[in-house]
């Protein structure tokens, strides 16, 4: 397996470390905070060689990156793994997606195309009679229904998904030494009733964000452009994250 492929692949979806063994720990450990799977609910095999051969046959891979809410302070992915599936492979998680990004990676050119899907987009969700926000799909049926909803909404042949929770963002940003960003405005928001309690408290200016502050930046929503402003902020973060993660010290 080509190390460069996996470095670029995981770095490009924001929350993965460029350190290969570190990534592997998160993907396959029983306590992982990252989950990788297929849209038909067949989890990827641990045999990395087989996975790479499949990707190389296609020349590129299309996948959906989802950042999920926490659940009662126990972590979104850890909670998700404990839930039972119904006959369709759906899990009624109660966890909405905070971020949905459609990603296409070409392993030959190392080019990555990303499409951020605004969380408030109103769509048809299978099994639900009325139009709902797209970020509700994961709550009703877990990653499988979320993937199916994006397929129906965009008309794409989508097979793979990557699900991450808040713990992944914090720990992996810390692992690469933080991300330098120019915070565009004062960011403040407090919700002590959230689990865990949410506090966003950032000042404008160029600074290096550690894992906790990076998560605050990504979760902030009070932009003049609303959700579109948040999408732009997340895309900016991703670009700077990639630059940091691909520095020689992190490879």
C-alpha atoms as a PDB file:
ATOM      1  CA  UNK A   1       0.000   0.000   0.000  1.00  0.00           C
ATOM      2  CA  UNK A   2       1.214   3.464  -0.830  1.00  0.00           C
ATOM      3  CA  UNK A   3       1.704   5.544   2.288  1.00  0.00           C
ATOM      4  CA  UNK A   4       1.295   8.752   0.291  1.00  0.00           C
ATOM      5  CA  UNK A   5      -2.179   7.674  -0.792  1.00  0.00           C
ATOM      6  CA  UNK A   6      -3.431   7.172   2.726  1.00  0.00           C
ATOM      7  CA  UNK A   7      -1.783  10.335   4.014  1.00  0.00           C
ATOM      8  CA  UNK A   8      -3.422  12.462   1.335  1.00  0.00           C
ATOM      9  CA  UNK A   9      -6.724  10.626   1.614  1.00  0.00           C
ATOM     10  CA  UNK A  10      -7.163  11.058   5.331  1.00  0.00           C
ATOM     11  CA  UNK A  11      -5.631  14.513   5.606  1.00  0.00           C
ATOM     12  CA  UNK A  12      -8.014  15.756   2.973  1.00  0.00           C
ATOM     13  CA  UNK A  13     -11.058  14.924   5.026  1.00  0.00           C
ATOM     14  CA  UNK A  14      -9.941  17.129   7.875  1.00  0.00           C
ATOM     15  CA  UNK A  15      -9.867  14.850  10.834  1.00  0.00           C
ATOM     16  CA  UNK A  16      -7.263  12.230   9.977  1.00  0.00           C
ATOM     17  CA  UNK A  17      -3.649  12.300  11.006  1.00  0.00           C
ATOM     18  CA  UNK A  18      -0.844  12.091   8.456  1.00  0.00           C
ATOM     19  CA  UNK A  19       0.829   9.593  10.745  1.00  0.00           C
ATOM     20  CA  UNK A  20      -0.219   6.272   9.209  1.00  0.00           C
ATOM     21  CA  UNK A  21      -0.063   4.110  12.309  1.00  0.00           C
ATOM     22  CA  UNK A  22      -1.964   6.737  14.305  1.00  0.00           C
ATOM     23  CA  UNK A  23      -4.740   6.729  11.729  1.00  0.00           C
ATOM     24  CA  UNK A  24      -4.921   2.964  11.824  1.00  0.00           C
ATOM     25  CA  UNK A  25      -5.406   3.061  15.577  1.00  0.00           C
ATOM     26  CA  UNK A  26      -8.401   5.309  15.226  1.00  0.00           C
ATOM     27  CA  UNK A  27     -10.001   3.332  12.421  1.00  0.00           C
ATOM     28  CA  UNK A  28      -9.766  -0.148  13.835  1.00  0.00           C
ATOM     29  CA  UNK A  29      -9.514   0.132  17.602  1.00  0.00           C
ATOM     30  CA  UNK A  30     -12.674  -0.915  19.459  1.00  0.00           C
ATOM     31  CA  UNK A  31     -12.749   2.508  21.127  1.00  0.00           C
ATOM     32  CA  UNK A  32     -12.267   4.386  17.863  1.00  0.00           C
ATOM     33  CA  UNK A  33     -13.656   7.841  17.235  1.00  0.00           C
ATOM     34  CA  UNK A  34     -13.680   7.375  13.468  1.00  0.00           C
ATOM     35  CA  UNK A  35     -15.849   4.903  11.589  1.00  0.00           C
ATOM     36  CA  UNK A  36     -15.396   3.894   7.963  1.00  0.00           C
ATOM     37  CA  UNK A  37     -17.963   1.879   6.087  1.00  0.00           C
ATOM     38  CA  UNK A  38     -19.867   1.227   2.894  1.00  0.00           C
ATOM     39  CA  UNK A  39     -23.276   2.567   2.046  1.00  0.00           C
ATOM     40  CA  UNK A  40     -24.722  -0.936   1.894  1.00  0.00           C
ATOM     41  CA  UNK A  41     -23.714  -1.413   5.548  1.00  0.00           C
ATOM     42  CA  UNK A  42     -20.847  -3.781   4.760  1.00  0.00           C
ATOM     43  CA  UNK A  43     -17.958  -2.503   6.891  1.00  0.00           C
ATOM     44  CA  UNK A  44     -14.587  -2.300   5.210  1.00  0.00           C
ATOM     45  CA  UNK A  45     -12.284  -5.234   5.798  1.00  0.00           C
ATOM     46  CA  UNK A  46      -9.075  -4.601   7.729  1.00  0.00           C
ATOM     47  CA  UNK A  47      -7.015  -6.005   4.879  1.00  0.00           C
ATOM     48  CA  UNK A  48      -5.639  -2.713   3.587  1.00  0.00           C
ATOM     49  CA  UNK A  49      -4.099  -4.277   0.498  1.00  0.00           C
ATOM     50  CA  UNK A  50      -7.495  -5.453  -0.697  1.00  0.00           C
ATOM     51  CA  UNK A  51      -9.020  -2.012  -0.140  1.00  0.00           C
ATOM     52  CA  UNK A  52      -6.282  -0.248  -2.081  1.00  0.00           C
ATOM     53  CA  UNK A  53      -6.584  -2.684  -4.999  1.00  0.00           C
ATOM     54  CA  UNK A  54     -10.310  -1.980  -5.174  1.00  0.00           C
ATOM     55  CA  UNK A  55      -9.726   1.770  -5.202  1.00  0.00           C
ATOM     56  CA  UNK A  56      -6.977   1.488  -7.827  1.00  0.00           C
ATOM     57  CA  UNK A  57      -9.312  -0.452 -10.109  1.00  0.00           C
ATOM     58  CA  UNK A  58     -11.707   2.497 -10.082  1.00  0.00           C
ATOM     59  CA  UNK A  59      -9.023   5.188 -10.269  1.00  0.00           C
ATOM     60  CA  UNK A  60     -10.869   7.349  -7.781  1.00  0.00           C
ATOM     61  CA  UNK A  61     -13.094   7.100  -4.755  1.00  0.00           C
ATOM     62  CA  UNK A  62     -16.210   9.043  -3.826  1.00  0.00           C
ATOM     63  CA  UNK A  63     -17.144   9.169  -0.163  1.00  0.00           C
ATOM     64  CA  UNK A  64     -19.270  11.145   2.256  1.00  0.00           C
ATOM     65  CA  UNK A  65     -17.595  12.729   5.269  1.00  0.00           C
ATOM     66  CA  UNK A  66     -19.937  13.235   8.208  1.00  0.00           C
ATOM     67  CA  UNK A  67     -19.223  14.908  11.518  1.00  0.00           C
ATOM     68  CA  UNK A  68     -21.768  13.786  14.093  1.00  0.00           C
ATOM     69  CA  UNK A  69     -23.054  15.302  17.311  1.00  0.00           C
ATOM     70  CA  UNK A  70     -22.014  13.985  20.691  1.00  0.00           C
ATOM     71  CA  UNK A  71     -24.491  11.774  22.553  1.00  0.00           C
ATOM     72  CA  UNK A  72     -24.849  12.322  26.285  1.00  0.00           C
ATOM     73  CA  UNK A  73     -21.133  13.015  26.597  1.00  0.00           C
ATOM     74  CA  UNK A  74     -20.051   9.519  25.547  1.00  0.00           C
ATOM     75  CA  UNK A  75     -18.863  10.357  22.035  1.00  0.00           C
ATOM     76  CA  UNK A  76     -20.843   9.970  18.831  1.00  0.00           C
ATOM     77  CA  UNK A  77     -18.938   7.062  17.293  1.00  0.00           C
ATOM     78  CA  UNK A  78     -18.652   5.065  20.498  1.00  0.00           C
ATOM     79  CA  UNK A  79     -22.401   5.430  21.012  1.00  0.00           C
ATOM     80  CA  UNK A  80     -23.122   4.550  17.380  1.00  0.00           C
ATOM     81  CA  UNK A  81     -21.229   1.266  17.575  1.00  0.00           C
ATOM     82  CA  UNK A  82     -23.369   0.076  20.484  1.00  0.00           C
ATOM     83  CA  UNK A  83     -26.680   0.613  18.690  1.00  0.00           C
ATOM     84  CA  UNK A  84     -28.714  -2.145  17.070  1.00  0.00           C
ATOM     85  CA  UNK A  85     -29.565  -2.113  13.357  1.00  0.00           C
ATOM     86  CA  UNK A  86     -32.985  -2.764  11.871  1.00  0.00           C
ATOM     87  CA  UNK A  87     -33.626  -4.980   8.847  1.00  0.00           C
ATOM     88  CA  UNK A  88     -32.455  -2.193   6.510  1.00  0.00           C
ATOM     89  CA  UNK A  89     -29.187  -1.640   8.342  1.00  0.00           C
ATOM     90  CA  UNK A  90     -30.508   1.618   9.807  1.00  0.00           C
ATOM     91  CA  UNK A  91     -29.749   2.785  13.340  1.00  0.00           C
ATOM     92  CA  UNK A  92     -32.092   5.264  15.016  1.00  0.00           C
ATOM     93  CA  UNK A  93     -29.226   7.228  16.512  1.00  0.00           C
ATOM     94  CA  UNK A  94     -30.794  10.466  17.664  1.00  0.00           C
ATOM     95  CA  UNK A  95     -27.548  12.109  16.478  1.00  0.00           C
ATOM     96  CA  UNK A  96     -27.678  14.649  13.679  1.00  0.00           C
ATOM     97  CA  UNK A  97     -24.802  15.398  11.356  1.00  0.00           C
ATOM     98  CA  UNK A  98     -23.090  18.676  12.124  1.00  0.00           C
ATOM     99  CA  UNK A  99     -21.098  18.535   8.875  1.00  0.00           C
ATOM    100  CA  UNK A 100     -21.639  16.732   5.558  1.00  0.00           C
ATOM    101  CA  UNK A 101     -18.997  16.952   2.831  1.00  0.00           C
ATOM    102  CA  UNK A 102     -19.022  14.956  -0.392  1.00  0.00           C
ATOM    103  CA  UNK A 103     -15.417  14.167  -1.317  1.00  0.00           C
ATOM    104  CA  UNK A 104     -13.876  12.726  -4.475  1.00  0.00           C
ATOM    105  CA  UNK A 105     -10.238  11.657  -4.396  1.00  0.00           C
ATOM    106  CA  UNK A 106      -8.234  10.770  -7.511  1.00  0.00           C
ATOM    107  CA  UNK A 107      -5.337   8.638  -6.338  1.00  0.00           C
ATOM    108  CA  UNK A 108      -3.354   9.110  -9.576  1.00  0.00           C
ATOM    109  CA  UNK A 109      -3.364  12.915  -9.589  1.00  0.00           C
ATOM    110  CA  UNK A 110      -3.833  13.339  -5.803  1.00  0.00           C
ATOM    111  CA  UNK A 111      -6.600  15.831  -6.603  1.00  0.00           C
ATOM    112  CA  UNK A 112      -9.453  16.189  -4.174  1.00  0.00           C
ATOM    113  CA  UNK A 113     -12.831  17.681  -4.996  1.00  0.00           C
ATOM    114  CA  UNK A 114     -15.118  18.595  -2.105  1.00  0.00           C
ATOM    115  CA  UNK A 115     -18.723  19.705  -1.956  1.00  0.00           C
ATOM    116  CA  UNK A 116     -20.031  20.989   1.365  1.00  0.00           C
ATOM    117  CA  UNK A 117     -23.732  20.240   1.848  1.00  0.00           C
ATOM    118  CA  UNK A 118     -25.454  22.889   3.998  1.00  0.00           C
ATOM    119  CA  UNK A 119     -26.956  21.158   7.011  1.00  0.00           C
ATOM    120  CA  UNK A 120     -30.233  23.047   6.630  1.00  0.00           C
ATOM    121  CA  UNK A 121     -30.865  21.817   3.063  1.00  0.00           C
ATOM    122  CA  UNK A 122     -34.443  20.522   2.936  1.00  0.00           C
ATOM    123  CA  UNK A 123     -34.725  17.112   1.287  1.00  0.00           C
ATOM    124  CA  UNK A 124     -36.819  13.967   1.090  1.00  0.00           C
ATOM    125  CA  UNK A 125     -35.683  11.302   3.565  1.00  0.00           C
ATOM    126  CA  UNK A 126     -36.863   7.746   2.959  1.00  0.00           C
ATOM    127  CA  UNK A 127     -39.506   6.711   5.476  1.00  0.00           C
ATOM    128  CA  UNK A 128     -40.301  10.315   6.422  1.00  0.00           C
ATOM    129  CA  UNK A 129     -43.434  11.845   4.915  1.00  0.00           C
ATOM    130  CA  UNK A 130     -42.514  15.523   4.935  1.00  0.00           C
ATOM    131  CA  UNK A 131     -39.419  17.399   3.761  1.00  0.00           C
ATOM    132  CA  UNK A 132     -36.754  17.581   6.457  1.00  0.00           C
ATOM    133  CA  UNK A 133     -33.325  19.106   6.944  1.00  0.00           C
ATOM    134  CA  UNK A 134     -30.677  16.826   5.504  1.00  0.00           C
ATOM    135  CA  UNK A 135     -28.796  16.670   8.800  1.00  0.00           C
ATOM    136  CA  UNK A 136     -31.782  14.826  10.341  1.00  0.00           C
ATOM    137  CA  UNK A 137     -31.227  11.741   8.163  1.00  0.00           C
ATOM    138  CA  UNK A 138     -28.468  10.412  10.405  1.00  0.00           C
ATOM    139  CA  UNK A 139     -30.719  10.819  13.434  1.00  0.00           C
ATOM    140  CA  UNK A 140     -33.448   8.707  11.830  1.00  0.00           C
ATOM    141  CA  UNK A 141     -31.277   5.960  10.356  1.00  0.00           C
ATOM    142  CA  UNK A 142     -27.598   6.420  11.070  1.00  0.00           C
ATOM    143  CA  UNK A 143     -24.873   6.647   8.405  1.00  0.00           C
ATOM    144  CA  UNK A 144     -26.623   4.253   6.019  1.00  0.00           C
ATOM    145  CA  UNK A 145     -29.749   6.410   5.728  1.00  0.00           C
ATOM    146  CA  UNK A 146     -27.625   9.567   5.601  1.00  0.00           C
ATOM    147  CA  UNK A 147     -25.667   8.181   2.644  1.00  0.00           C
ATOM    148  CA  UNK A 148     -28.882   7.112   0.907  1.00  0.00           C
ATOM    149  CA  UNK A 149     -30.378  10.571   1.436  1.00  0.00           C
ATOM    150  CA  UNK A 150     -27.367  12.261  -0.167  1.00  0.00           C
ATOM    151  CA  UNK A 151     -27.538   9.800  -3.075  1.00  0.00           C
ATOM    152  CA  UNK A 152     -31.214  10.627  -3.609  1.00  0.00           C
ATOM    153  CA  UNK A 153     -30.640  14.365  -3.208  1.00  0.00           C
ATOM    154  CA  UNK A 154     -27.626  14.734  -5.514  1.00  0.00           C
ATOM    155  CA  UNK A 155     -28.132  11.754  -7.819  1.00  0.00           C
ATOM    156  CA  UNK A 156     -24.609  10.432  -7.256  1.00  0.00           C
ATOM    157  CA  UNK A 157     -23.301   6.872  -7.100  1.00  0.00           C
ATOM    158  CA  UNK A 158     -22.081   7.031  -3.522  1.00  0.00           C
ATOM    159  CA  UNK A 159     -20.773   3.941  -1.770  1.00  0.00           C
ATOM    160  CA  UNK A 160     -18.398   4.847   1.053  1.00  0.00           C
ATOM    161  CA  UNK A 161     -18.720   7.028   4.099  1.00  0.00           C
ATOM    162  CA  UNK A 162     -16.477   8.296   6.888  1.00  0.00           C
ATOM    163  CA  UNK A 163     -18.044   9.314  10.189  1.00  0.00           C
ATOM    164  CA  UNK A 164     -16.172  11.288  12.836  1.00  0.00           C
ATOM    165  CA  UNK A 165     -17.089  12.850  16.146  1.00  0.00           C
ATOM    166  CA  UNK A 166     -15.803  15.784  18.167  1.00  0.00           C
ATOM    167  CA  UNK A 167     -13.152  13.720  19.910  1.00  0.00           C
ATOM    168  CA  UNK A 168     -11.499  12.900  16.577  1.00  0.00           C
ATOM    169  CA  UNK A 169     -11.171  16.541  15.596  1.00  0.00           C
ATOM    170  CA  UNK A 170      -9.632  17.563  18.910  1.00  0.00           C
ATOM    171  CA  UNK A 171      -7.166  14.704  19.193  1.00  0.00           C
ATOM    172  CA  UNK A 172      -5.927  14.714  15.611  1.00  0.00           C
ATOM    173  CA  UNK A 173      -5.475  18.489  15.408  1.00  0.00           C
ATOM    174  CA  UNK A 174      -3.391  18.227  18.566  1.00  0.00           C
ATOM    175  CA  UNK A 175      -1.425  15.356  17.010  1.00  0.00           C
ATOM    176  CA  UNK A 176      -0.196  17.566  14.151  1.00  0.00           C
ATOM    177  CA  UNK A 177       0.675  20.480  16.414  1.00  0.00           C
ATOM    178  CA  UNK A 178      -2.408  22.620  15.824  1.00  0.00           C
ATOM    179  CA  UNK A 179      -3.662  24.566  12.806  1.00  0.00           C
ATOM    180  CA  UNK A 180      -2.702  28.176  12.060  1.00  0.00           C
ATOM    181  CA  UNK A 181      -5.748  30.212  11.046  1.00  0.00           C
ATOM    182  CA  UNK A 182      -6.751  33.826  10.624  1.00  0.00           C
ATOM    183  CA  UNK A 183      -9.936  33.931  12.688  1.00  0.00           C
ATOM    184  CA  UNK A 184     -12.127  36.491  10.860  1.00  0.00           C
ATOM    185  CA  UNK A 185     -14.273  37.763  13.725  1.00  0.00           C
ATOM    186  CA  UNK A 186     -15.022  37.543  17.413  1.00  0.00           C
ATOM    187  CA  UNK A 187     -16.576  34.151  18.043  1.00  0.00           C
ATOM    188  CA  UNK A 188     -18.513  33.665  21.243  1.00  0.00           C
ATOM    189  CA  UNK A 189     -21.297  31.264  22.120  1.00  0.00           C
ATOM    190  CA  UNK A 190     -22.192  29.464  25.328  1.00  0.00           C
ATOM    191  CA  UNK A 191     -24.608  26.592  25.902  1.00  0.00           C
ATOM    192  CA  UNK A 192     -24.131  25.055  29.364  1.00  0.00           C
ATOM    193  CA  UNK A 193     -27.055  22.673  28.752  1.00  0.00           C
ATOM    194  CA  UNK A 194     -25.280  20.928  25.889  1.00  0.00           C
ATOM    195  CA  UNK A 195     -23.640  17.571  26.655  1.00  0.00           C
ATOM    196  CA  UNK A 196     -20.793  18.169  27.087  1.00  0.00           C
ATOM    197  CA  UNK A 197     -21.310  21.927  27.751  1.00  0.00           C
ATOM    198  CA  UNK A 198     -20.399  24.052  24.735  1.00  0.00           C
ATOM    199  CA  UNK A 199     -18.288  27.191  25.014  1.00  0.00           C
ATOM    200  CA  UNK A 200     -16.938  28.990  21.951  1.00  0.00           C
ATOM    201  CA  UNK A 201     -14.618  31.853  22.856  1.00  0.00           C
ATOM    202  CA  UNK A 202     -12.217  32.961  20.103  1.00  0.00           C
ATOM    203  CA  UNK A 203     -10.803  36.371  19.199  1.00  0.00           C
ATOM    204  CA  UNK A 204     -10.023  37.562  15.649  1.00  0.00           C
ATOM    205  CA  UNK A 205      -6.533  37.397  14.215  1.00  0.00           C
ATOM    206  CA  UNK A 206      -3.838  34.995  13.054  1.00  0.00           C
ATOM    207  CA  UNK A 207      -3.274  32.262  15.618  1.00  0.00           C
ATOM    208  CA  UNK A 208      -2.550  28.564  16.052  1.00  0.00           C
ATOM    209  CA  UNK A 209      -5.612  26.661  17.187  1.00  0.00           C
ATOM    210  CA  UNK A 210      -5.184  23.539  19.278  1.00  0.00           C
ATOM    211  CA  UNK A 211      -7.728  20.730  19.118  1.00  0.00           C
ATOM    212  CA  UNK A 212     -10.207  22.332  21.478  1.00  0.00           C
ATOM    213  CA  UNK A 213     -10.082  25.750  19.794  1.00  0.00           C
ATOM    214  CA  UNK A 214     -10.239  24.175  16.330  1.00  0.00           C
ATOM    215  CA  UNK A 215     -13.451  22.463  17.346  1.00  0.00           C
ATOM    216  CA  UNK A 216     -14.830  25.773  18.615  1.00  0.00           C
ATOM    217  CA  UNK A 217     -14.002  27.367  15.263  1.00  0.00           C
ATOM    218  CA  UNK A 218     -15.703  24.583  13.316  1.00  0.00           C
ATOM    219  CA  UNK A 219     -18.858  24.624  15.438  1.00  0.00           C
ATOM    220  CA  UNK A 220     -19.408  28.389  15.361  1.00  0.00           C
ATOM    221  CA  UNK A 221     -22.504  29.332  13.339  1.00  0.00           C
ATOM    222  CA  UNK A 222     -23.193  33.055  13.810  1.00  0.00           C
ATOM    223  CA  UNK A 223     -21.949  34.361  10.473  1.00  0.00           C
ATOM    224  CA  UNK A 224     -23.569  37.201   8.483  1.00  0.00           C
ATOM    225  CA  UNK A 225     -24.161  34.685   5.654  1.00  0.00           C
ATOM    226  CA  UNK A 226     -25.621  32.066   7.977  1.00  0.00           C
ATOM    227  CA  UNK A 227     -24.870  28.450   7.119  1.00  0.00           C
ATOM    228  CA  UNK A 228     -23.058  29.454   3.918  1.00  0.00           C
ATOM    229  CA  UNK A 229     -20.594  31.453   6.003  1.00  0.00           C
ATOM    230  CA  UNK A 230     -19.998  28.407   8.160  1.00  0.00           C
ATOM    231  CA  UNK A 231     -19.364  26.260   5.084  1.00  0.00           C
ATOM    232  CA  UNK A 232     -16.762  28.759   3.848  1.00  0.00           C
ATOM    233  CA  UNK A 233     -15.094  28.788   7.264  1.00  0.00           C
ATOM    234  CA  UNK A 234     -14.911  25.004   7.308  1.00  0.00           C
ATOM    235  CA  UNK A 235     -13.412  24.918   3.821  1.00  0.00           C
ATOM    236  CA  UNK A 236     -10.777  27.454   4.876  1.00  0.00           C
ATOM    237  CA  UNK A 237      -9.972  25.326   7.901  1.00  0.00           C
ATOM    238  CA  UNK A 238      -9.586  22.246   5.720  1.00  0.00           C
ATOM    239  CA  UNK A 239      -7.075  23.951   3.429  1.00  0.00           C
ATOM    240  CA  UNK A 240      -4.952  25.127   6.342  1.00  0.00           C
ATOM    241  CA  UNK A 241      -5.237  21.751   8.054  1.00  0.00           C
ATOM    242  CA  UNK A 242      -3.900  20.012   4.959  1.00  0.00           C
ATOM    243  CA  UNK A 243      -0.937  22.398   4.776  1.00  0.00           C
ATOM    244  CA  UNK A 244      -0.064  21.707   8.393  1.00  0.00           C
ATOM    245  CA  UNK A 245      -0.568  17.948   8.216  1.00  0.00           C
ATOM    246  CA  UNK A 246       1.610  17.575   5.124  1.00  0.00           C
ATOM    247  CA  UNK A 247       4.589  19.323   6.665  1.00  0.00           C
ATOM    248  CA  UNK A 248       7.637  16.996   6.790  1.00  0.00           C
ATOM    249  CA  UNK A 249       7.457  16.676  10.572  1.00  0.00           C
ATOM    250  CA  UNK A 250       3.971  15.153  10.311  1.00  0.00           C
ATOM    251  CA  UNK A 251       4.668  12.662   7.514  1.00  0.00           C
END
